[in-house]
């Protein structure tokens, strides 16, 4: 028997990276999954892998930048399954322009829509049902940038990830007594596709020093599988091996500037 047998779980951003690995791990533990992302093709590939091992998963194309679509996903899941036990808010993206001096309104708002509004709208659509049932777990992938803001993550991403972290802390303060627990995972550098949007795309040597998606996925799984009497409020994760990030910072400082 798996630790999540019979439980309904939604994982956003599950087509690649951390979300993909989390979906595979959750399925191995018996969860019945709804996995989402913008592109349906990689989601279908994940579903095929899960079903090949006898698991259950449904893929839904959802743009978490659209708050109404995020809320509609939760409403659909409740109508389809009657309840949701676990929500993993994993979808996210960063701005290409990092500096507060140069980042534009469109990029700033896009980062906040995905990392804050999408998280809020989807979580809100489900948490009332969780309260009614007296249990539920909400897990959000934040970032070390929430704790150590700067050019590496960028001003928009750092601020947005701090907001989603604070939202999870607020859920614990308000709803722990009603059986709801909120967990935040705050990883430093992970070798995922989000790195491709950086002003300076890390090379293979740099990526070799980073954590892998399955490392963070394992932390997400831990948050979900501990008994309901226990909440992991936050997990902070870093690579053991440091690297020289001076070039990354130098390029990030100039990205979007008139003299770039």
C-alpha atoms as a PDB file:
ATOM      1  CA  UNK A   1       0.000   0.000   0.000  1.00  0.00           C
ATOM      2  CA  UNK A   2       1.103   3.529  -0.744  1.00  0.00           C
ATOM      3  CA  UNK A   3       1.060   6.424   1.681  1.00  0.00           C
ATOM      4  CA  UNK A   4      -1.421   8.290  -0.550  1.00  0.00           C
ATOM      5  CA  UNK A   5      -3.730   5.450  -1.572  1.00  0.00           C
ATOM      6  CA  UNK A   6      -7.111   6.803  -2.634  1.00  0.00           C
ATOM      7  CA  UNK A   7      -6.225  10.445  -2.106  1.00  0.00           C
ATOM      8  CA  UNK A   8      -7.026  13.061  -4.747  1.00  0.00           C
ATOM      9  CA  UNK A   9      -4.129  15.400  -5.528  1.00  0.00           C
ATOM     10  CA  UNK A  10      -3.724  18.334  -7.906  1.00  0.00           C
ATOM     11  CA  UNK A  11      -0.212  19.267  -9.026  1.00  0.00           C
ATOM     12  CA  UNK A  12       0.292  22.378 -11.142  1.00  0.00           C
ATOM     13  CA  UNK A  13       3.255  22.851 -13.457  1.00  0.00           C
ATOM     14  CA  UNK A  14       3.515  19.080 -13.738  1.00  0.00           C
ATOM     15  CA  UNK A  15       4.676  18.727 -17.335  1.00  0.00           C
ATOM     16  CA  UNK A  16       8.357  19.295 -16.592  1.00  0.00           C
ATOM     17  CA  UNK A  17      10.850  19.760 -13.779  1.00  0.00           C
ATOM     18  CA  UNK A  18       9.827  19.562 -10.149  1.00  0.00           C
ATOM     19  CA  UNK A  19       6.122  19.118 -10.879  1.00  0.00           C
ATOM     20  CA  UNK A  20       6.743  16.200 -13.225  1.00  0.00           C
ATOM     21  CA  UNK A  21       8.889  14.390 -10.676  1.00  0.00           C
ATOM     22  CA  UNK A  22       6.378  15.079  -7.905  1.00  0.00           C
ATOM     23  CA  UNK A  23       3.545  13.674 -10.031  1.00  0.00           C
ATOM     24  CA  UNK A  24       5.479  10.452 -10.641  1.00  0.00           C
ATOM     25  CA  UNK A  25       6.291  10.113  -6.940  1.00  0.00           C
ATOM     26  CA  UNK A  26       2.714  10.827  -5.855  1.00  0.00           C
ATOM     27  CA  UNK A  27       1.423   8.241  -8.320  1.00  0.00           C
ATOM     28  CA  UNK A  28       3.852   5.645  -6.942  1.00  0.00           C
ATOM     29  CA  UNK A  29       2.314   6.296  -3.515  1.00  0.00           C
ATOM     30  CA  UNK A  30      -1.204   5.639  -4.843  1.00  0.00           C
ATOM     31  CA  UNK A  31      -2.558   9.150  -5.348  1.00  0.00           C
ATOM     32  CA  UNK A  32      -5.258   9.788  -7.952  1.00  0.00           C
ATOM     33  CA  UNK A  33      -3.795  12.767  -9.796  1.00  0.00           C
ATOM     34  CA  UNK A  34      -4.928  15.830 -11.690  1.00  0.00           C
ATOM     35  CA  UNK A  35      -1.855  17.325 -13.325  1.00  0.00           C
ATOM     36  CA  UNK A  36      -1.855  20.697 -15.028  1.00  0.00           C
ATOM     37  CA  UNK A  37       0.307  22.972 -17.120  1.00  0.00           C
ATOM     38  CA  UNK A  38       0.015  25.238 -20.123  1.00  0.00           C
ATOM     39  CA  UNK A  39       1.162  22.640 -22.673  1.00  0.00           C
ATOM     40  CA  UNK A  40      -0.852  19.446 -22.899  1.00  0.00           C
ATOM     41  CA  UNK A  41       1.798  17.355 -24.710  1.00  0.00           C
ATOM     42  CA  UNK A  42       4.263  16.972 -21.811  1.00  0.00           C
ATOM     43  CA  UNK A  43       1.349  16.415 -19.427  1.00  0.00           C
ATOM     44  CA  UNK A  44       0.071  13.579 -21.589  1.00  0.00           C
ATOM     45  CA  UNK A  45       3.539  12.031 -21.502  1.00  0.00           C
ATOM     46  CA  UNK A  46       3.469  12.091 -17.690  1.00  0.00           C
ATOM     47  CA  UNK A  47      -0.007  10.545 -17.657  1.00  0.00           C
ATOM     48  CA  UNK A  48       1.206   7.769 -19.955  1.00  0.00           C
ATOM     49  CA  UNK A  49       4.118   6.997 -17.626  1.00  0.00           C
ATOM     50  CA  UNK A  50       1.795   6.874 -14.628  1.00  0.00           C
ATOM     51  CA  UNK A  51      -0.810   4.717 -16.337  1.00  0.00           C
ATOM     52  CA  UNK A  52       1.858   2.322 -17.596  1.00  0.00           C
ATOM     53  CA  UNK A  53       2.620   1.538 -13.952  1.00  0.00           C
ATOM     54  CA  UNK A  54      -1.049   1.102 -13.063  1.00  0.00           C
ATOM     55  CA  UNK A  55      -1.592   4.578 -11.636  1.00  0.00           C
ATOM     56  CA  UNK A  56      -4.356   7.082 -12.254  1.00  0.00           C
ATOM     57  CA  UNK A  57      -3.871  10.583 -13.642  1.00  0.00           C
ATOM     58  CA  UNK A  58      -5.754  13.151 -15.699  1.00  0.00           C
ATOM     59  CA  UNK A  59      -4.065  15.975 -17.617  1.00  0.00           C
ATOM     60  CA  UNK A  60      -5.657  19.435 -17.817  1.00  0.00           C
ATOM     61  CA  UNK A  61      -4.265  22.352 -19.796  1.00  0.00           C
ATOM     62  CA  UNK A  62      -4.533  25.389 -17.509  1.00  0.00           C
ATOM     63  CA  UNK A  63      -2.780  28.751 -17.733  1.00  0.00           C
ATOM     64  CA  UNK A  64      -2.161  29.761 -14.119  1.00  0.00           C
ATOM     65  CA  UNK A  65      -1.636  33.341 -15.272  1.00  0.00           C
ATOM     66  CA  UNK A  66      -5.420  33.450 -15.717  1.00  0.00           C
ATOM     67  CA  UNK A  67      -6.952  33.587 -12.246  1.00  0.00           C
ATOM     68  CA  UNK A  68     -10.393  32.574 -13.477  1.00  0.00           C
ATOM     69  CA  UNK A  69      -8.925  29.465 -15.112  1.00  0.00           C
ATOM     70  CA  UNK A  70      -7.081  28.605 -11.904  1.00  0.00           C
ATOM     71  CA  UNK A  71     -10.286  28.842  -9.883  1.00  0.00           C
ATOM     72  CA  UNK A  72     -12.201  26.882 -12.516  1.00  0.00           C
ATOM     73  CA  UNK A  73      -9.692  24.038 -12.199  1.00  0.00           C
ATOM     74  CA  UNK A  74     -10.485  23.673  -8.509  1.00  0.00           C
ATOM     75  CA  UNK A  75     -14.215  23.842  -9.151  1.00  0.00           C
ATOM     76  CA  UNK A  76     -13.921  21.182 -11.850  1.00  0.00           C
ATOM     77  CA  UNK A  77     -11.962  18.868  -9.557  1.00  0.00           C
ATOM     78  CA  UNK A  78     -14.541  19.158  -6.784  1.00  0.00           C
ATOM     79  CA  UNK A  79     -17.356  18.451  -9.240  1.00  0.00           C
ATOM     80  CA  UNK A  80     -15.474  15.487 -10.706  1.00  0.00           C
ATOM     81  CA  UNK A  81     -14.132  13.857  -7.538  1.00  0.00           C
ATOM     82  CA  UNK A  82     -16.202  15.341  -4.709  1.00  0.00           C
ATOM     83  CA  UNK A  83     -13.128  16.498  -2.805  1.00  0.00           C
ATOM     84  CA  UNK A  84      -9.403  17.190  -3.111  1.00  0.00           C
ATOM     85  CA  UNK A  85      -7.038  16.016  -0.392  1.00  0.00           C
ATOM     86  CA  UNK A  86      -3.785  17.610  -1.569  1.00  0.00           C
ATOM     87  CA  UNK A  87      -3.015  20.683  -3.634  1.00  0.00           C
ATOM     88  CA  UNK A  88       0.528  21.268  -4.858  1.00  0.00           C
ATOM     89  CA  UNK A  89       0.985  24.825  -6.135  1.00  0.00           C
ATOM     90  CA  UNK A  90       4.111  24.205  -8.156  1.00  0.00           C
ATOM     91  CA  UNK A  91       3.617  26.236 -11.361  1.00  0.00           C
ATOM     92  CA  UNK A  92       5.692  29.378 -11.561  1.00  0.00           C
ATOM     93  CA  UNK A  93       7.879  31.507 -13.728  1.00  0.00           C
ATOM     94  CA  UNK A  94      10.265  34.420 -13.448  1.00  0.00           C
ATOM     95  CA  UNK A  95      10.912  37.590 -15.406  1.00  0.00           C
ATOM     96  CA  UNK A  96      13.783  37.764 -17.874  1.00  0.00           C
ATOM     97  CA  UNK A  97      14.598  41.280 -16.690  1.00  0.00           C
ATOM     98  CA  UNK A  98      15.767  41.037 -13.086  1.00  0.00           C
ATOM     99  CA  UNK A  99      16.563  44.566 -11.914  1.00  0.00           C
ATOM    100  CA  UNK A 100      13.915  46.752 -10.252  1.00  0.00           C
ATOM    101  CA  UNK A 101      15.373  49.571 -12.369  1.00  0.00           C
ATOM    102  CA  UNK A 102      14.342  48.006 -15.669  1.00  0.00           C
ATOM    103  CA  UNK A 103      11.684  45.323 -15.241  1.00  0.00           C
ATOM    104  CA  UNK A 104       8.549  46.331 -17.123  1.00  0.00           C
ATOM    105  CA  UNK A 105       4.969  46.346 -15.921  1.00  0.00           C
ATOM    106  CA  UNK A 106       3.919  43.494 -18.211  1.00  0.00           C
ATOM    107  CA  UNK A 107       6.648  41.155 -16.952  1.00  0.00           C
ATOM    108  CA  UNK A 108       6.094  42.165 -13.329  1.00  0.00           C
ATOM    109  CA  UNK A 109       2.358  41.532 -13.526  1.00  0.00           C
ATOM    110  CA  UNK A 110       2.829  38.220 -15.323  1.00  0.00           C
ATOM    111  CA  UNK A 111       5.122  36.934 -12.568  1.00  0.00           C
ATOM    112  CA  UNK A 112       2.652  37.961  -9.873  1.00  0.00           C
ATOM    113  CA  UNK A 113      -0.325  36.488 -11.713  1.00  0.00           C
ATOM    114  CA  UNK A 114       1.238  33.038 -11.867  1.00  0.00           C
ATOM    115  CA  UNK A 115       3.083  32.945  -8.544  1.00  0.00           C
ATOM    116  CA  UNK A 116       0.562  34.791  -6.379  1.00  0.00           C
ATOM    117  CA  UNK A 117      -2.868  35.249  -7.936  1.00  0.00           C
ATOM    118  CA  UNK A 118      -2.952  31.772  -9.487  1.00  0.00           C
ATOM    119  CA  UNK A 119      -1.934  30.249  -6.159  1.00  0.00           C
ATOM    120  CA  UNK A 120      -4.538  32.300  -4.290  1.00  0.00           C
ATOM    121  CA  UNK A 121      -7.386  31.577  -6.716  1.00  0.00           C
ATOM    122  CA  UNK A 122      -6.780  27.828  -6.948  1.00  0.00           C
ATOM    123  CA  UNK A 123      -6.187  27.443  -3.219  1.00  0.00           C
ATOM    124  CA  UNK A 124      -9.304  29.431  -2.370  1.00  0.00           C
ATOM    125  CA  UNK A 125     -11.418  27.326  -4.722  1.00  0.00           C
ATOM    126  CA  UNK A 126     -10.503  24.198  -2.741  1.00  0.00           C
ATOM    127  CA  UNK A 127      -9.844  25.223   0.837  1.00  0.00           C
ATOM    128  CA  UNK A 128     -13.510  25.692   1.768  1.00  0.00           C
ATOM    129  CA  UNK A 129     -14.200  22.065   0.880  1.00  0.00           C
ATOM    130  CA  UNK A 130     -11.151  21.005   2.869  1.00  0.00           C
ATOM    131  CA  UNK A 131     -12.446  22.887   5.907  1.00  0.00           C
ATOM    132  CA  UNK A 132     -15.830  21.206   5.559  1.00  0.00           C
ATOM    133  CA  UNK A 133     -14.163  17.782   5.566  1.00  0.00           C
ATOM    134  CA  UNK A 134     -11.797  18.718   8.392  1.00  0.00           C
ATOM    135  CA  UNK A 135      -8.560  17.931   6.583  1.00  0.00           C
ATOM    136  CA  UNK A 136      -6.450  18.957   3.629  1.00  0.00           C
ATOM    137  CA  UNK A 137      -2.883  19.752   2.654  1.00  0.00           C
ATOM    138  CA  UNK A 138      -1.721  22.701   0.552  1.00  0.00           C
ATOM    139  CA  UNK A 139       1.908  22.642  -0.576  1.00  0.00           C
ATOM    140  CA  UNK A 140       3.500  25.541  -2.447  1.00  0.00           C
ATOM    141  CA  UNK A 141       6.836  25.604  -4.202  1.00  0.00           C
ATOM    142  CA  UNK A 142       8.312  28.991  -3.339  1.00  0.00           C
ATOM    143  CA  UNK A 143      12.010  29.848  -3.670  1.00  0.00           C
ATOM    144  CA  UNK A 144      15.098  30.781  -1.744  1.00  0.00           C
ATOM    145  CA  UNK A 145      14.571  34.141  -3.459  1.00  0.00           C
ATOM    146  CA  UNK A 146      11.727  34.721  -0.998  1.00  0.00           C
ATOM    147  CA  UNK A 147      14.275  34.637   1.830  1.00  0.00           C
ATOM    148  CA  UNK A 148      17.307  36.058   0.003  1.00  0.00           C
ATOM    149  CA  UNK A 149      15.971  38.463  -2.631  1.00  0.00           C
ATOM    150  CA  UNK A 150      18.288  39.866  -5.240  1.00  0.00           C
ATOM    151  CA  UNK A 151      19.353  39.868  -8.853  1.00  0.00           C
ATOM    152  CA  UNK A 152      19.713  36.107  -9.150  1.00  0.00           C
ATOM    153  CA  UNK A 153      15.973  35.553  -8.780  1.00  0.00           C
ATOM    154  CA  UNK A 154      15.030  39.067  -9.763  1.00  0.00           C
ATOM    155  CA  UNK A 155      12.911  41.703  -8.076  1.00  0.00           C
ATOM    156  CA  UNK A 156       9.551  40.465  -9.395  1.00  0.00           C
ATOM    157  CA  UNK A 157      10.163  36.777  -8.687  1.00  0.00           C
ATOM    158  CA  UNK A 158      11.644  37.424  -5.239  1.00  0.00           C
ATOM    159  CA  UNK A 159       8.675  39.561  -4.219  1.00  0.00           C
ATOM    160  CA  UNK A 160       6.098  37.158  -5.668  1.00  0.00           C
ATOM    161  CA  UNK A 161       7.618  34.091  -4.050  1.00  0.00           C
ATOM    162  CA  UNK A 162       7.734  35.910  -0.713  1.00  0.00           C
ATOM    163  CA  UNK A 163       4.026  36.671  -1.112  1.00  0.00           C
ATOM    164  CA  UNK A 164       3.110  33.042  -1.788  1.00  0.00           C
ATOM    165  CA  UNK A 165       5.201  31.965   1.218  1.00  0.00           C
ATOM    166  CA  UNK A 166       3.362  34.447   3.404  1.00  0.00           C
ATOM    167  CA  UNK A 167       0.030  33.203   2.074  1.00  0.00           C
ATOM    168  CA  UNK A 168       0.880  29.679   3.211  1.00  0.00           C
ATOM    169  CA  UNK A 169       1.921  30.959   6.637  1.00  0.00           C
ATOM    170  CA  UNK A 170      -1.378  32.777   6.874  1.00  0.00           C
ATOM    171  CA  UNK A 171      -3.304  29.592   6.073  1.00  0.00           C
ATOM    172  CA  UNK A 172      -1.572  27.833   8.954  1.00  0.00           C
ATOM    173  CA  UNK A 173      -2.354  30.684  11.322  1.00  0.00           C
ATOM    174  CA  UNK A 174      -6.006  30.690  10.299  1.00  0.00           C
ATOM    175  CA  UNK A 175      -6.864  27.080   9.518  1.00  0.00           C
ATOM    176  CA  UNK A 176      -4.575  24.666  11.378  1.00  0.00           C
ATOM    177  CA  UNK A 177      -7.270  24.369  14.019  1.00  0.00           C
ATOM    178  CA  UNK A 178      -9.694  23.214  11.314  1.00  0.00           C
ATOM    179  CA  UNK A 179      -7.430  20.411  10.122  1.00  0.00           C
ATOM    180  CA  UNK A 180      -5.774  22.259   7.239  1.00  0.00           C
ATOM    181  CA  UNK A 181      -2.013  22.375   6.889  1.00  0.00           C
ATOM    182  CA  UNK A 182       0.043  24.500   4.508  1.00  0.00           C
ATOM    183  CA  UNK A 183       3.629  23.668   3.594  1.00  0.00           C
ATOM    184  CA  UNK A 184       6.142  25.809   1.719  1.00  0.00           C
ATOM    185  CA  UNK A 185       9.233  24.432   0.007  1.00  0.00           C
ATOM    186  CA  UNK A 186      11.908  27.054  -0.617  1.00  0.00           C
ATOM    187  CA  UNK A 187      14.656  25.700  -2.884  1.00  0.00           C
ATOM    188  CA  UNK A 188      17.751  27.487  -4.078  1.00  0.00           C
ATOM    189  CA  UNK A 189      19.076  26.638  -7.540  1.00  0.00           C
ATOM    190  CA  UNK A 190      17.478  23.622  -9.210  1.00  0.00           C
ATOM    191  CA  UNK A 191      18.293  22.428 -12.722  1.00  0.00           C
ATOM    192  CA  UNK A 192      14.862  22.966 -14.304  1.00  0.00           C
ATOM    193  CA  UNK A 193      13.594  24.669 -17.489  1.00  0.00           C
ATOM    194  CA  UNK A 194      12.905  27.910 -15.573  1.00  0.00           C
ATOM    195  CA  UNK A 195      16.651  28.598 -15.777  1.00  0.00           C
ATOM    196  CA  UNK A 196      16.357  29.025 -19.541  1.00  0.00           C
ATOM    197  CA  UNK A 197      14.666  32.413 -18.980  1.00  0.00           C
ATOM    198  CA  UNK A 198      17.574  33.851 -17.010  1.00  0.00           C
ATOM    199  CA  UNK A 199      19.545  36.701 -18.592  1.00  0.00           C
ATOM    200  CA  UNK A 200      22.581  34.429 -18.312  1.00  0.00           C
ATOM    201  CA  UNK A 201      21.621  30.823 -19.002  1.00  0.00           C
ATOM    202  CA  UNK A 202      23.798  28.615 -16.757  1.00  0.00           C
ATOM    203  CA  UNK A 203      26.026  26.191 -18.641  1.00  0.00           C
ATOM    204  CA  UNK A 204      26.368  22.469 -17.985  1.00  0.00           C
ATOM    205  CA  UNK A 205      29.130  22.931 -15.408  1.00  0.00           C
ATOM    206  CA  UNK A 206      27.021  25.404 -13.436  1.00  0.00           C
ATOM    207  CA  UNK A 207      23.955  23.181 -13.590  1.00  0.00           C
ATOM    208  CA  UNK A 208      25.995  20.236 -12.348  1.00  0.00           C
ATOM    209  CA  UNK A 209      26.355  22.001  -8.986  1.00  0.00           C
ATOM    210  CA  UNK A 210      22.592  22.471  -8.574  1.00  0.00           C
ATOM    211  CA  UNK A 211      19.880  20.337  -7.019  1.00  0.00           C
ATOM    212  CA  UNK A 212      17.810  18.138  -9.306  1.00  0.00           C
ATOM    213  CA  UNK A 213      14.014  18.313  -9.666  1.00  0.00           C
ATOM    214  CA  UNK A 214      13.546  14.990  -7.891  1.00  0.00           C
ATOM    215  CA  UNK A 215      15.303  16.387  -4.811  1.00  0.00           C
ATOM    216  CA  UNK A 216      12.631  19.042  -4.369  1.00  0.00           C
ATOM    217  CA  UNK A 217       9.862  16.645  -5.375  1.00  0.00           C
ATOM    218  CA  UNK A 218      10.922  14.347  -2.539  1.00  0.00           C
ATOM    219  CA  UNK A 219      10.495  17.227  -0.089  1.00  0.00           C
ATOM    220  CA  UNK A 220       7.016  17.930  -1.485  1.00  0.00           C
ATOM    221  CA  UNK A 221       6.117  14.267  -1.062  1.00  0.00           C
ATOM    222  CA  UNK A 222       7.300  14.331   2.548  1.00  0.00           C
ATOM    223  CA  UNK A 223       4.987  17.253   3.297  1.00  0.00           C
ATOM    224  CA  UNK A 224       2.069  15.291   1.833  1.00  0.00           C
ATOM    225  CA  UNK A 225       2.730  11.915   3.422  1.00  0.00           C
ATOM    226  CA  UNK A 226       3.324  12.788   7.061  1.00  0.00           C
ATOM    227  CA  UNK A 227       0.330  12.103   9.320  1.00  0.00           C
ATOM    228  CA  UNK A 228      -2.271  14.867   9.417  1.00  0.00           C
ATOM    229  CA  UNK A 229      -1.324  15.694  12.994  1.00  0.00           C
ATOM    230  CA  UNK A 230       1.977  17.131  11.712  1.00  0.00           C
ATOM    231  CA  UNK A 231       2.618  20.122   9.462  1.00  0.00           C
ATOM    232  CA  UNK A 232       5.961  20.959   7.922  1.00  0.00           C
ATOM    233  CA  UNK A 233       5.620  24.714   7.741  1.00  0.00           C
ATOM    234  CA  UNK A 234       8.698  25.261   5.587  1.00  0.00           C
ATOM    235  CA  UNK A 235      11.583  23.393   4.028  1.00  0.00           C
ATOM    236  CA  UNK A 236      14.626  25.399   2.909  1.00  0.00           C
ATOM    237  CA  UNK A 237      16.846  23.560   0.432  1.00  0.00           C
ATOM    238  CA  UNK A 238      20.245  24.426  -1.031  1.00  0.00           C
ATOM    239  CA  UNK A 239      22.909  22.693  -3.094  1.00  0.00           C
ATOM    240  CA  UNK A 240      25.804  21.429  -1.002  1.00  0.00           C
ATOM    241  CA  UNK A 241      28.328  22.642  -3.558  1.00  0.00           C
ATOM    242  CA  UNK A 242      28.565  26.445  -3.960  1.00  0.00           C
ATOM    243  CA  UNK A 243      29.375  28.016  -7.303  1.00  0.00           C
ATOM    244  CA  UNK A 244      30.667  31.328  -8.611  1.00  0.00           C
ATOM    245  CA  UNK A 245      27.607  33.337  -9.696  1.00  0.00           C
ATOM    246  CA  UNK A 246      29.380  36.616 -10.456  1.00  0.00           C
ATOM    247  CA  UNK A 247      28.734  36.379 -14.191  1.00  0.00           C
ATOM    248  CA  UNK A 248      25.051  35.644 -13.563  1.00  0.00           C
ATOM    249  CA  UNK A 249      24.766  38.738 -11.377  1.00  0.00           C
ATOM    250  CA  UNK A 250      26.686  40.958 -13.780  1.00  0.00           C
ATOM    251  CA  UNK A 251      24.456  40.026 -16.710  1.00  0.00           C
ATOM    252  CA  UNK A 252      21.275  40.250 -14.614  1.00  0.00           C
ATOM    253  CA  UNK A 253      22.153  43.751 -13.454  1.00  0.00           C
ATOM    254  CA  UNK A 254      22.222  44.977 -17.058  1.00  0.00           C
ATOM    255  CA  UNK A 255      19.302  43.026 -18.549  1.00  0.00           C
ATOM    256  CA  UNK A 256      16.628  45.382 -19.821  1.00  0.00           C
ATOM    257  CA  UNK A 257      18.755  48.483 -19.403  1.00  0.00           C
ATOM    258  CA  UNK A 258      18.955  51.040 -22.239  1.00  0.00           C
ATOM    259  CA  UNK A 259      22.647  50.166 -22.662  1.00  0.00           C
ATOM    260  CA  UNK A 260      22.194  46.399 -22.718  1.00  0.00           C
END
